[in-house]
Amino acid sequence: MNTHRHILIFDPVPYANGSKQVTHQVLELINQKDHKITVLTANKSVWQDIPNADLVNLRVPNWLNQSQSKMGHWLIQYYFCIMLFVTRLLHGRIDSAVAAAAPSIDIPLYLMHWLFRYEIIQLIHAPVGWSRAIGYCLTHADRVFYPPIARSSMLEAIACQWEKMPNSLAHQQARLEMKRDKYTPFDRDVRAHVRLISAFSHCQQLDSLIKH
């Protein structure tokens, strides 16, 4: 019986950045005997040295990538949804989906959650924009890791979920939301890596997750 947990990394950003480095470091610490890792990525070269990872090319057609309109933005999101669907068909059930870029970029993972019911782990690496879409992603993720510098912008984005309320009440709701255990400050040290590994693996026995 195959008991491996399947972790999907969603990486639609073609250039190397801090989010890739952090995710890369965490994957190197995971005991891959107990995990299947699939990376849906716009830059396969970044992930070549992750042992036994299945790399799936996420290439956006040029005509779609060049669109600057709001319609073009959402067409790209729906294209990514199709690619997630194909990846699920070819690589099997997904247990945890890692949104490693930013909520505004990782929206397809949230759009497909209703169908695949995977756990969503959102990584934040910088202050986020203030919008209902980003607030939706933050409130619907199962785990959110963020640097302290991003906290105030996250609070504003979450408050957008209650935009019809008076401003003070919307921010009160947002502060209550951010007190939930799922929000974890991420200071990029070893302890943060261990917390991330625990979230990736959905397991309390951390010693079994680390390579020996």
Protein backbone atom coordinates (compact mmCIF):
# COMPACT_ATOMS: atom_id res chain seq x y z
CA MET A 1 0.00 0.00 0.00
CA ASN A 2 1.40 3.44 -0.95
CA THR A 3 1.36 5.66 2.15
CA HIS A 4 3.47 8.48 0.72
CA ARG A 5 2.07 11.96 1.16
CA HIS A 6 1.97 13.86 -2.11
CA ILE A 7 3.25 17.45 -1.89
CA LEU A 8 2.63 19.75 -4.85
CA ILE A 9 4.74 22.90 -5.21
CA PHE A 10 3.05 25.54 -7.37
CA ASP A 11 5.70 27.80 -8.92
CA PRO A 12 4.34 29.96 -11.76
CA VAL A 13 7.11 32.60 -11.49
CA PRO A 14 9.86 32.03 -14.10
CA TYR A 15 12.67 33.91 -12.36
CA ALA A 16 14.62 32.85 -9.27
CA ASN A 17 13.63 34.65 -6.07
CA GLY A 18 13.59 34.38 -2.29
CA SER A 19 10.44 32.26 -2.23
CA LYS A 20 12.12 29.57 -4.32
CA GLN A 21 15.17 29.57 -2.05
CA VAL A 22 13.13 29.07 1.12
CA THR A 23 10.94 26.35 -0.40
CA HIS A 24 14.03 24.67 -1.83
CA GLN A 25 15.71 24.58 1.59
CA VAL A 26 12.65 23.06 3.23
CA LEU A 27 12.36 20.34 0.58
CA GLU A 28 16.00 19.42 1.12
CA LEU A 29 15.23 18.74 4.80
CA ILE A 30 12.19 16.54 4.18
CA ASN A 31 12.60 12.78 4.37
CA GLN A 32 11.62 12.02 0.80
CA LYS A 33 11.19 8.30 1.45
CA ASP A 34 7.84 9.20 2.99
CA HIS A 35 6.84 11.87 0.48
CA LYS A 36 6.13 12.21 -3.19
CA ILE A 37 7.03 15.68 -4.48
CA THR A 38 5.69 17.23 -7.67
CA VAL A 39 6.76 20.72 -8.76
CA LEU A 40 4.55 22.51 -11.28
CA THR A 41 6.98 25.19 -12.36
CA ALA A 42 7.74 27.87 -14.93
CA ASN A 43 11.47 27.32 -14.34
CA LYS A 44 12.47 23.65 -14.12
CA SER A 45 16.20 24.41 -13.84
CA VAL A 46 15.74 25.80 -10.30
CA TRP A 47 14.44 22.45 -9.03
CA GLN A 48 16.76 20.04 -10.84
CA ASP A 49 18.72 19.13 -7.71
CA ILE A 50 15.69 18.06 -5.64
CA PRO A 51 16.07 14.25 -5.58
CA ASN A 52 13.19 12.21 -7.02
CA ALA A 53 10.97 15.26 -7.56
CA ASP A 54 8.65 15.13 -10.58
CA LEU A 55 9.06 18.39 -12.49
CA VAL A 56 6.10 19.51 -14.61
CA ASN A 57 6.64 22.34 -17.07
CA LEU A 58 4.27 25.29 -16.59
CA ARG A 59 4.72 27.25 -19.80
CA VAL A 60 2.37 30.12 -20.55
CA PRO A 61 1.65 30.71 -24.28
CA ASN A 62 3.29 33.92 -25.50
CA TRP A 63 0.04 35.43 -26.73
CA LEU A 64 -1.48 34.96 -23.29
CA ASN A 65 1.58 36.09 -21.37
CA GLN A 66 1.73 39.39 -23.26
CA SER A 67 -1.78 40.44 -22.30
CA GLN A 68 -1.80 43.38 -19.87
CA SER A 69 -5.58 43.61 -19.36
CA LYS A 70 -7.57 42.42 -16.37
CA MET A 71 -9.20 39.86 -18.66
CA GLY A 72 -5.76 38.61 -19.66
CA HIS A 73 -4.78 38.23 -16.00
CA TRP A 74 -7.78 36.02 -15.29
CA LEU A 75 -7.26 34.01 -18.48
CA ILE A 76 -3.78 33.15 -17.19
CA GLN A 77 -5.28 32.10 -13.84
CA TYR A 78 -7.75 29.78 -15.59
CA TYR A 79 -4.95 28.39 -17.75
CA PHE A 80 -3.04 27.56 -14.56
CA CYS A 81 -6.18 25.86 -13.22
CA ILE A 82 -6.22 23.63 -16.30
CA MET A 83 -2.56 22.77 -15.73
CA LEU A 84 -3.31 21.90 -12.09
CA PHE A 85 -6.11 19.63 -13.27
CA VAL A 86 -3.82 17.88 -15.75
CA THR A 87 -1.11 17.50 -13.09
CA ARG A 88 -3.62 15.94 -10.71
CA LEU A 89 -4.71 13.45 -13.38
CA LEU A 90 -1.16 12.45 -14.29
CA HIS A 91 0.47 12.44 -10.84
CA GLY A 92 -2.33 11.37 -8.51
CA ARG A 93 -4.04 12.63 -5.39
CA ILE A 94 -2.52 15.77 -3.83
CA ASP A 95 -2.34 15.90 -0.02
CA SER A 96 -0.65 19.29 0.44
CA ALA A 97 -0.36 22.14 -2.06
CA VAL A 98 2.34 24.70 -1.34
CA ALA A 99 1.56 28.22 -2.51
CA ALA A 100 5.15 29.41 -2.60
CA ALA A 101 5.01 32.70 -4.52
CA ALA A 102 2.39 35.17 -3.21
CA PRO A 103 -1.40 35.04 -2.71
CA SER A 104 -2.02 37.21 -5.78
CA ILE A 105 -0.06 34.70 -7.90
CA ASP A 106 -1.20 31.51 -6.16
CA ILE A 107 -4.93 32.08 -6.73
CA PRO A 108 -5.32 28.99 -9.00
CA LEU A 109 -4.55 26.72 -6.04
CA TYR A 110 -7.51 28.24 -4.21
CA LEU A 111 -9.79 28.08 -7.24
CA MET A 112 -9.13 24.33 -7.57
CA HIS A 113 -9.36 23.56 -3.86
CA TRP A 114 -13.11 22.93 -4.05
CA LEU A 115 -12.43 20.05 -6.46
CA PHE A 116 -9.28 18.44 -5.06
CA ARG A 117 -9.66 19.21 -1.32
CA TYR A 118 -5.93 19.40 -0.63
CA GLU A 119 -4.36 21.22 2.30
CA ILE A 120 -3.04 24.66 1.27
CA ILE A 121 0.17 25.97 2.81
CA GLN A 122 0.71 29.64 1.91
CA LEU A 123 4.19 31.14 2.14
CA ILE A 124 4.46 34.93 2.34
CA HIS A 125 7.83 36.58 1.68
CA ALA A 126 6.98 40.30 1.48
CA PRO A 127 4.10 42.70 2.19
CA VAL A 128 0.95 41.79 0.23
CA GLY A 129 -1.50 43.94 -1.70
CA TRP A 130 -4.76 45.09 -0.16
CA SER A 131 -7.56 43.31 -2.00
CA ARG A 132 -10.48 40.97 -1.34
CA ALA A 133 -8.87 38.28 -3.51
CA ILE A 134 -5.70 38.25 -1.41
CA GLY A 135 -7.71 38.39 1.80
CA TYR A 136 -9.75 35.43 0.57
CA CYS A 137 -6.60 33.41 -0.04
CA LEU A 138 -5.18 34.18 3.40
CA THR A 139 -8.39 33.29 5.23
CA HIS A 140 -8.89 30.07 3.26
CA ALA A 141 -5.34 28.70 3.52
CA ASP A 142 -4.81 25.93 6.07
CA ARG A 143 -1.43 27.31 7.17
CA VAL A 144 0.15 30.72 6.52
CA PHE A 145 3.83 31.47 7.17
CA TYR A 146 4.93 35.10 6.93
CA PRO A 147 7.78 37.46 7.89
CA PRO A 148 6.86 40.06 10.54
CA ILE A 149 7.26 42.85 7.97
CA ALA A 150 4.20 41.50 6.11
CA ARG A 151 1.82 41.38 9.06
CA SER A 152 0.28 44.86 8.72
CA SER A 153 -0.39 44.44 4.98
CA MET A 154 -1.93 41.01 5.62
CA LEU A 155 -4.21 42.59 8.21
CA GLU A 156 -5.40 45.16 5.65
CA ALA A 157 -5.98 42.50 2.99
CA ILE A 158 -7.96 40.34 5.41
CA ALA A 159 -10.02 43.36 6.48
CA CYS A 160 -11.15 43.69 2.86
CA GLN A 161 -13.28 40.58 3.46
CA TRP A 162 -15.57 42.77 5.56
CA GLU A 163 -15.49 45.87 3.35
CA LYS A 164 -19.22 46.52 3.87
CA MET A 165 -18.66 46.90 7.60
CA PRO A 166 -17.42 50.12 9.24
CA ASN A 167 -13.63 50.29 8.99
CA SER A 168 -13.05 49.76 12.72
CA LEU A 169 -15.21 46.61 12.80
CA ALA A 170 -13.57 45.22 9.65
CA HIS A 171 -10.14 45.60 11.24
CA GLN A 172 -11.39 44.08 14.48
CA GLN A 173 -12.52 41.00 12.54
CA ALA A 174 -9.16 40.89 10.74
CA ARG A 175 -7.22 41.01 14.03
CA LEU A 176 -9.34 38.15 15.40
CA GLU A 177 -8.65 36.17 12.24
CA MET A 178 -4.89 36.64 12.55
CA LYS A 179 -4.94 35.32 16.12
CA ARG A 180 -5.75 31.87 14.77
CA ASP A 181 -3.03 29.25 15.20
CA LYS A 182 -2.67 28.79 11.44
CA TYR A 183 -0.78 32.12 11.12
CA THR A 184 2.90 31.61 11.96
CA PRO A 185 5.62 34.29 11.80
CA PHE A 186 8.41 32.98 9.63
CA ASP A 187 11.86 34.32 10.47
CA ARG A 188 13.75 32.08 8.02
CA ASP A 189 15.78 30.31 10.69
CA VAL A 190 16.07 26.60 11.45
CA ARG A 191 13.09 26.62 13.82
CA ALA A 192 10.93 28.11 11.08
CA HIS A 193 12.10 25.40 8.71
CA VAL A 194 11.04 22.74 11.22
CA ARG A 195 7.60 24.31 11.56
CA LEU A 196 7.27 24.37 7.79
CA ILE A 197 8.31 20.73 7.53
CA SER A 198 5.66 19.84 10.10
CA ALA A 199 3.03 21.67 8.04
CA PHE A 200 4.20 20.11 4.77
CA SER A 201 4.07 16.64 6.29
CA HIS A 202 0.92 17.00 8.41
CA CYS A 203 2.69 14.94 11.04
CA GLN A 204 3.64 15.45 14.70
CA GLN A 205 6.70 13.16 14.62
CA LEU A 206 9.21 15.69 13.35
CA ASP A 207 12.22 13.41 13.90
CA SER A 208 10.95 11.05 11.22
CA LEU A 209 10.77 13.88 8.71
CA ILE A 210 14.38 15.00 8.88
CA LYS A 211 17.11 13.22 6.99
CA HIS A 212 19.58 11.46 9.28
